[in-house]
Amino acid sequence: MKNITLILILALLIVSCDNKKEAQLNTREHELNLREQQLKAIEEEYEALRKMRDSLILAKGLAADTLQVVKWPDSLQQVWNSKMICRESNCNNYVIGDQRNEVWKFLSDSSGLYMNVVNNDKLVRVFRASYSENKIVMDYTADSTSTTKQKISVLLDDIQKKVIKGTQTITGFNDCTAKFSVELTPSTKQ
């Protein structure tokens, strides 16, 4: 009788544990679905706002052909590997000689030119950019929700077919400044 009772208790515990794990997995899956729906709603809202902006521009009397979308040259509009080395710093969290590697993506849409910076397959910042024949200027300012208050400016003034070079300046907490040399090379992974 004791053996049967012990076996029944063990069976109930095993079933109970399985049910808890399944409930946790179902909860996680539900939360993931909610996040995906929220992201989709944000993307749809962005597209709707962009279309509304374009229609307002057209409504002001501008012809459709005067609404110009600025694009990067084809030679730039791709994925680049960046290698950055700290050359000077008076910031506590940047040391001369520090090396950083990221993936930079030159992108454009009707809102203008920008650069996505990706690290470990995660988008870490989006630069607003401007381009002329011999230089690219990019700026990023952390938003109010960011834990690190910093401003980043990039000047790429040595633009060649297979390599782009320039300087990145980071202004951080207490107006400390760190300057990095930047070298971009086309990525073999697109």
C-alpha atoms as a PDB file:
ATOM      1  CA  MET A   1       0.000   0.000   0.000  1.00  0.00           C
ATOM      2  CA  LYS A   2       2.844   2.384   0.860  1.00  0.00           C
ATOM      3  CA  ASN A   3       4.517   1.663  -2.476  1.00  0.00           C
ATOM      4  CA  ILE A   4       1.326   2.416  -4.403  1.00  0.00           C
ATOM      5  CA  THR A   5       0.809   5.657  -2.471  1.00  0.00           C
ATOM      6  CA  LEU A   6       4.424   6.679  -3.098  1.00  0.00           C
ATOM      7  CA  ILE A   7       4.106   5.910  -6.815  1.00  0.00           C
ATOM      8  CA  LEU A   8       0.875   7.934  -7.040  1.00  0.00           C
ATOM      9  CA  ILE A   9       2.482  10.912  -5.270  1.00  0.00           C
ATOM     10  CA  LEU A  10       5.508  10.790  -7.592  1.00  0.00           C
ATOM     11  CA  ALA A  11       3.233  10.563 -10.642  1.00  0.00           C
ATOM     12  CA  LEU A  12       1.246  13.580  -9.440  1.00  0.00           C
ATOM     13  CA  LEU A  13       4.474  15.576  -8.885  1.00  0.00           C
ATOM     14  CA  ILE A  14       5.774  14.733 -12.360  1.00  0.00           C
ATOM     15  CA  VAL A  15       2.453  15.693 -13.977  1.00  0.00           C
ATOM     16  CA  SER A  16       2.361  18.877 -11.876  1.00  0.00           C
ATOM     17  CA  CYS A  17       5.906  19.865 -12.961  1.00  0.00           C
ATOM     18  CA  ASP A  18       5.088  19.203 -16.599  1.00  0.00           C
ATOM     19  CA  ASN A  19       1.961  21.334 -16.322  1.00  0.00           C
ATOM     20  CA  LYS A  20       3.939  24.214 -14.755  1.00  0.00           C
ATOM     21  CA  LYS A  21       6.564  24.101 -17.514  1.00  0.00           C
ATOM     22  CA  GLU A  22       3.884  23.965 -20.189  1.00  0.00           C
ATOM     23  CA  ALA A  23       2.068  26.903 -18.567  1.00  0.00           C
ATOM     24  CA  GLN A  24       5.331  28.899 -18.478  1.00  0.00           C
ATOM     25  CA  LEU A  25       5.999  28.129 -22.143  1.00  0.00           C
ATOM     26  CA  ASN A  26       2.450  29.123 -23.073  1.00  0.00           C
ATOM     27  CA  THR A  27       2.827  32.390 -21.151  1.00  0.00           C
ATOM     28  CA  ARG A  28       6.132  33.175 -22.875  1.00  0.00           C
ATOM     29  CA  GLU A  29       4.673  32.357 -26.279  1.00  0.00           C
ATOM     30  CA  HIS A  30       1.685  34.590 -25.591  1.00  0.00           C
ATOM     31  CA  GLU A  31       3.974  37.479 -24.508  1.00  0.00           C
ATOM     32  CA  LEU A  32       6.084  37.031 -27.643  1.00  0.00           C
ATOM     33  CA  ASN A  33       2.981  37.132 -29.832  1.00  0.00           C
ATOM     34  CA  LEU A  34       1.867  40.342 -28.098  1.00  0.00           C
ATOM     35  CA  ARG A  35       5.290  41.946 -28.708  1.00  0.00           C
ATOM     36  CA  GLU A  36       5.184  40.923 -32.374  1.00  0.00           C
ATOM     37  CA  GLN A  37       1.716  42.445 -32.731  1.00  0.00           C
ATOM     38  CA  GLN A  38       2.906  45.677 -31.083  1.00  0.00           C
ATOM     39  CA  LEU A  39       5.894  45.867 -33.424  1.00  0.00           C
ATOM     40  CA  LYS A  40       3.671  45.281 -36.443  1.00  0.00           C
ATOM     41  CA  ALA A  41       1.317  48.033 -35.243  1.00  0.00           C
ATOM     42  CA  ILE A  42       4.263  50.447 -34.860  1.00  0.00           C
ATOM     43  CA  GLU A  43       5.508  49.614 -38.363  1.00  0.00           C
ATOM     44  CA  GLU A  44       2.010  50.140 -39.804  1.00  0.00           C
ATOM     45  CA  GLU A  45       1.682  53.466 -37.975  1.00  0.00           C
ATOM     46  CA  TYR A  46       5.074  54.593 -39.307  1.00  0.00           C
ATOM     47  CA  GLU A  47       4.072  53.749 -42.881  1.00  0.00           C
ATOM     48  CA  ALA A  48       0.739  55.539 -42.467  1.00  0.00           C
ATOM     49  CA  LEU A  49       2.471  58.649 -41.079  1.00  0.00           C
ATOM     50  CA  ARG A  50       5.020  58.620 -43.899  1.00  0.00           C
ATOM     51  CA  LYS A  51       2.262  58.367 -46.507  1.00  0.00           C
ATOM     52  CA  MET A  52       0.335  61.160 -44.795  1.00  0.00           C
ATOM     53  CA  ARG A  53       3.423  63.374 -44.777  1.00  0.00           C
ATOM     54  CA  ASP A  54       3.994  62.730 -48.476  1.00  0.00           C
ATOM     55  CA  SER A  55       0.359  63.485 -49.272  1.00  0.00           C
ATOM     56  CA  LEU A  56       0.524  66.740 -47.270  1.00  0.00           C
ATOM     57  CA  ILE A  57       3.574  67.793 -49.233  1.00  0.00           C
ATOM     58  CA  LEU A  58       1.715  67.058 -52.452  1.00  0.00           C
ATOM     59  CA  ALA A  59      -1.396  68.882 -51.183  1.00  0.00           C
ATOM     60  CA  LYS A  60       0.657  72.045 -50.695  1.00  0.00           C
ATOM     61  CA  GLY A  61       0.830  72.296 -54.454  1.00  0.00           C
ATOM     62  CA  LEU A  62       4.037  70.466 -55.124  1.00  0.00           C
ATOM     63  CA  ALA A  63       3.943  68.167 -58.105  1.00  0.00           C
ATOM     64  CA  ALA A  64       4.642  64.506 -57.469  1.00  0.00           C
ATOM     65  CA  ASP A  65       7.913  64.742 -59.382  1.00  0.00           C
ATOM     66  CA  THR A  66       9.203  67.542 -57.130  1.00  0.00           C
ATOM     67  CA  LEU A  67       9.053  65.242 -54.105  1.00  0.00           C
ATOM     68  CA  GLN A  68      12.575  63.928 -54.291  1.00  0.00           C
ATOM     69  CA  VAL A  69      13.834  60.971 -52.387  1.00  0.00           C
ATOM     70  CA  VAL A  70      17.520  61.365 -51.655  1.00  0.00           C
ATOM     71  CA  LYS A  71      19.452  58.113 -52.000  1.00  0.00           C
ATOM     72  CA  TRP A  72      22.962  56.960 -51.311  1.00  0.00           C
ATOM     73  CA  PRO A  73      25.033  56.206 -54.399  1.00  0.00           C
ATOM     74  CA  ASP A  74      24.777  52.515 -55.339  1.00  0.00           C
ATOM     75  CA  SER A  75      28.422  52.030 -54.364  1.00  0.00           C
ATOM     76  CA  LEU A  76      27.596  52.999 -50.744  1.00  0.00           C
ATOM     77  CA  GLN A  77      24.122  51.560 -50.290  1.00  0.00           C
ATOM     78  CA  GLN A  78      25.237  48.256 -48.859  1.00  0.00           C
ATOM     79  CA  VAL A  79      26.471  46.669 -45.632  1.00  0.00           C
ATOM     80  CA  TRP A  80      29.924  47.668 -44.300  1.00  0.00           C
ATOM     81  CA  ASN A  81      32.097  46.296 -41.514  1.00  0.00           C
ATOM     82  CA  SER A  82      33.478  49.015 -39.277  1.00  0.00           C
ATOM     83  CA  LYS A  83      36.724  49.008 -37.353  1.00  0.00           C
ATOM     84  CA  MET A  84      37.054  51.862 -34.869  1.00  0.00           C
ATOM     85  CA  ILE A  85      40.080  52.592 -32.708  1.00  0.00           C
ATOM     86  CA  CYS A  86      40.065  55.160 -29.897  1.00  0.00           C
ATOM     87  CA  ARG A  87      42.751  57.797 -30.663  1.00  0.00           C
ATOM     88  CA  GLU A  88      42.091  60.284 -27.852  1.00  0.00           C
ATOM     89  CA  SER A  89      39.842  60.343 -24.790  1.00  0.00           C
ATOM     90  CA  ASN A  90      39.192  62.137 -21.541  1.00  0.00           C
ATOM     91  CA  CYS A  91      36.221  59.854 -20.734  1.00  0.00           C
ATOM     92  CA  ASN A  92      36.335  57.159 -18.061  1.00  0.00           C
ATOM     93  CA  ASN A  93      34.669  54.530 -20.252  1.00  0.00           C
ATOM     94  CA  TYR A  94      36.888  54.982 -23.358  1.00  0.00           C
ATOM     95  CA  VAL A  95      40.609  54.232 -23.307  1.00  0.00           C
ATOM     96  CA  ILE A  96      43.082  55.091 -26.044  1.00  0.00           C
ATOM     97  CA  GLY A  97      43.606  51.945 -28.086  1.00  0.00           C
ATOM     98  CA  ASP A  98      40.095  50.568 -27.478  1.00  0.00           C
ATOM     99  CA  GLN A  99      38.857  48.824 -30.600  1.00  0.00           C
ATOM    100  CA  ARG A 100      35.205  48.475 -31.627  1.00  0.00           C
ATOM    101  CA  ASN A 101      33.721  46.478 -34.499  1.00  0.00           C
ATOM    102  CA  GLU A 102      30.179  46.965 -35.764  1.00  0.00           C
ATOM    103  CA  VAL A 103      28.161  46.517 -38.927  1.00  0.00           C
ATOM    104  CA  TRP A 104      27.001  49.723 -40.648  1.00  0.00           C
ATOM    105  CA  LYS A 105      24.153  49.787 -43.164  1.00  0.00           C
ATOM    106  CA  PHE A 106      23.696  52.794 -45.461  1.00  0.00           C
ATOM    107  CA  LEU A 107      19.919  53.167 -45.933  1.00  0.00           C
ATOM    108  CA  SER A 108      17.508  55.771 -47.255  1.00  0.00           C
ATOM    109  CA  ASP A 109      13.795  56.356 -47.585  1.00  0.00           C
ATOM    110  CA  SER A 110      11.486  59.320 -48.104  1.00  0.00           C
ATOM    111  CA  SER A 111      12.559  60.735 -44.733  1.00  0.00           C
ATOM    112  CA  GLY A 112      16.185  61.016 -45.888  1.00  0.00           C
ATOM    113  CA  LEU A 113      19.552  59.334 -45.499  1.00  0.00           C
ATOM    114  CA  TYR A 114      20.491  57.361 -42.442  1.00  0.00           C
ATOM    115  CA  MET A 115      22.861  54.696 -41.176  1.00  0.00           C
ATOM    116  CA  ASN A 116      21.883  51.708 -39.049  1.00  0.00           C
ATOM    117  CA  VAL A 117      24.593  50.472 -36.697  1.00  0.00           C
ATOM    118  CA  VAL A 118      24.279  46.821 -35.722  1.00  0.00           C
ATOM    119  CA  ASN A 119      26.264  44.967 -33.062  1.00  0.00           C
ATOM    120  CA  ASN A 120      25.732  41.236 -32.393  1.00  0.00           C
ATOM    121  CA  ASP A 121      22.716  41.236 -34.755  1.00  0.00           C
ATOM    122  CA  LYS A 122      21.047  43.958 -32.663  1.00  0.00           C
ATOM    123  CA  LEU A 123      20.319  47.499 -33.863  1.00  0.00           C
ATOM    124  CA  VAL A 124      22.207  49.798 -31.473  1.00  0.00           C
ATOM    125  CA  ARG A 125      21.746  53.230 -33.070  1.00  0.00           C
ATOM    126  CA  VAL A 126      20.465  55.070 -36.127  1.00  0.00           C
ATOM    127  CA  PHE A 127      22.459  58.012 -37.466  1.00  0.00           C
ATOM    128  CA  ARG A 128      20.880  60.822 -39.493  1.00  0.00           C
ATOM    129  CA  ALA A 129      23.181  61.521 -42.419  1.00  0.00           C
ATOM    130  CA  SER A 130      24.034  63.914 -45.214  1.00  0.00           C
ATOM    131  CA  TYR A 131      26.184  63.190 -48.233  1.00  0.00           C
ATOM    132  CA  SER A 132      28.179  65.222 -50.719  1.00  0.00           C
ATOM    133  CA  GLU A 133      30.636  63.949 -53.307  1.00  0.00           C
ATOM    134  CA  ASN A 134      33.596  63.810 -50.964  1.00  0.00           C
ATOM    135  CA  LYS A 135      32.178  63.462 -47.451  1.00  0.00           C
ATOM    136  CA  ILE A 136      29.501  61.902 -45.290  1.00  0.00           C
ATOM    137  CA  VAL A 137      28.376  63.614 -42.090  1.00  0.00           C
ATOM    138  CA  MET A 138      26.310  61.671 -39.556  1.00  0.00           C
ATOM    139  CA  ASP A 139      24.836  62.565 -36.175  1.00  0.00           C
ATOM    140  CA  TYR A 140      23.227  60.625 -33.364  1.00  0.00           C
ATOM    141  CA  THR A 141      21.848  61.916 -30.082  1.00  0.00           C
ATOM    142  CA  ALA A 142      20.569  59.503 -27.444  1.00  0.00           C
ATOM    143  CA  ASP A 143      16.868  59.940 -26.756  1.00  0.00           C
ATOM    144  CA  SER A 144      15.396  60.727 -23.372  1.00  0.00           C
ATOM    145  CA  THR A 145      14.820  57.038 -22.568  1.00  0.00           C
ATOM    146  CA  SER A 146      18.467  56.097 -23.027  1.00  0.00           C
ATOM    147  CA  THR A 147      20.540  55.317 -19.958  1.00  0.00           C
ATOM    148  CA  THR A 148      23.715  56.710 -21.569  1.00  0.00           C
ATOM    149  CA  LYS A 149      23.386  60.344 -22.533  1.00  0.00           C
ATOM    150  CA  GLN A 150      25.717  60.800 -25.430  1.00  0.00           C
ATOM    151  CA  LYS A 151      26.056  62.555 -28.741  1.00  0.00           C
ATOM    152  CA  ILE A 152      27.962  60.935 -31.588  1.00  0.00           C
ATOM    153  CA  SER A 153      29.200  62.712 -34.702  1.00  0.00           C
ATOM    154  CA  VAL A 154      30.875  60.969 -37.614  1.00  0.00           C
ATOM    155  CA  LEU A 155      32.790  62.563 -40.479  1.00  0.00           C
ATOM    156  CA  LEU A 156      33.765  60.196 -43.268  1.00  0.00           C
ATOM    157  CA  ASP A 157      35.972  62.224 -45.596  1.00  0.00           C
ATOM    158  CA  ASP A 158      38.113  59.593 -47.327  1.00  0.00           C
ATOM    159  CA  ILE A 159      35.655  57.742 -49.564  1.00  0.00           C
ATOM    160  CA  GLN A 160      37.046  55.109 -51.879  1.00  0.00           C
ATOM    161  CA  LYS A 161      35.447  52.140 -53.612  1.00  0.00           C
ATOM    162  CA  LYS A 162      36.630  49.452 -51.168  1.00  0.00           C
ATOM    163  CA  VAL A 163      37.342  51.495 -48.030  1.00  0.00           C
ATOM    164  CA  ILE A 164      35.857  54.544 -46.296  1.00  0.00           C
ATOM    165  CA  LYS A 165      37.767  56.337 -43.542  1.00  0.00           C
ATOM    166  CA  GLY A 166      37.040  59.123 -41.126  1.00  0.00           C
ATOM    167  CA  THR A 167      36.554  60.115 -37.509  1.00  0.00           C
ATOM    168  CA  GLN A 168      33.870  59.448 -34.898  1.00  0.00           C
ATOM    169  CA  THR A 169      33.556  61.822 -31.951  1.00  0.00           C
ATOM    170  CA  ILE A 170      31.578  60.795 -28.879  1.00  0.00           C
ATOM    171  CA  THR A 171      30.560  63.430 -26.358  1.00  0.00           C
ATOM    172  CA  GLY A 172      29.347  61.835 -23.160  1.00  0.00           C
ATOM    173  CA  PHE A 173      28.546  62.481 -19.529  1.00  0.00           C
ATOM    174  CA  ASN A 174      30.133  65.671 -18.107  1.00  0.00           C
ATOM    175  CA  ASP A 175      31.080  66.700 -21.676  1.00  0.00           C
ATOM    176  CA  CYS A 176      33.908  64.197 -21.882  1.00  0.00           C
ATOM    177  CA  THR A 177      35.082  63.490 -25.436  1.00  0.00           C
ATOM    178  CA  ALA A 178      36.441  60.385 -27.147  1.00  0.00           C
ATOM    179  CA  LYS A 179      37.664  60.338 -30.750  1.00  0.00           C
ATOM    180  CA  PHE A 180      37.869  57.168 -32.808  1.00  0.00           C
ATOM    181  CA  SER A 181      39.393  56.554 -36.205  1.00  0.00           C
ATOM    182  CA  VAL A 182      36.832  54.807 -38.417  1.00  0.00           C
ATOM    183  CA  GLU A 183      37.512  52.429 -41.282  1.00  0.00           C
ATOM    184  CA  LEU A 184      34.681  50.811 -43.230  1.00  0.00           C
ATOM    185  CA  THR A 185      35.110  47.891 -45.613  1.00  0.00           C
ATOM    186  CA  PRO A 186      32.344  46.168 -47.617  1.00  0.00           C
ATOM    187  CA  SER A 187      30.883  43.183 -45.820  1.00  0.00           C
ATOM    188  CA  THR A 188      31.074  39.804 -47.465  1.00  0.00           C
ATOM    189  CA  LYS A 189      27.743  38.946 -45.772  1.00  0.00           C
ATOM    190  CA  GLN A 190      24.789  40.890 -47.081  1.00  0.00           C
END
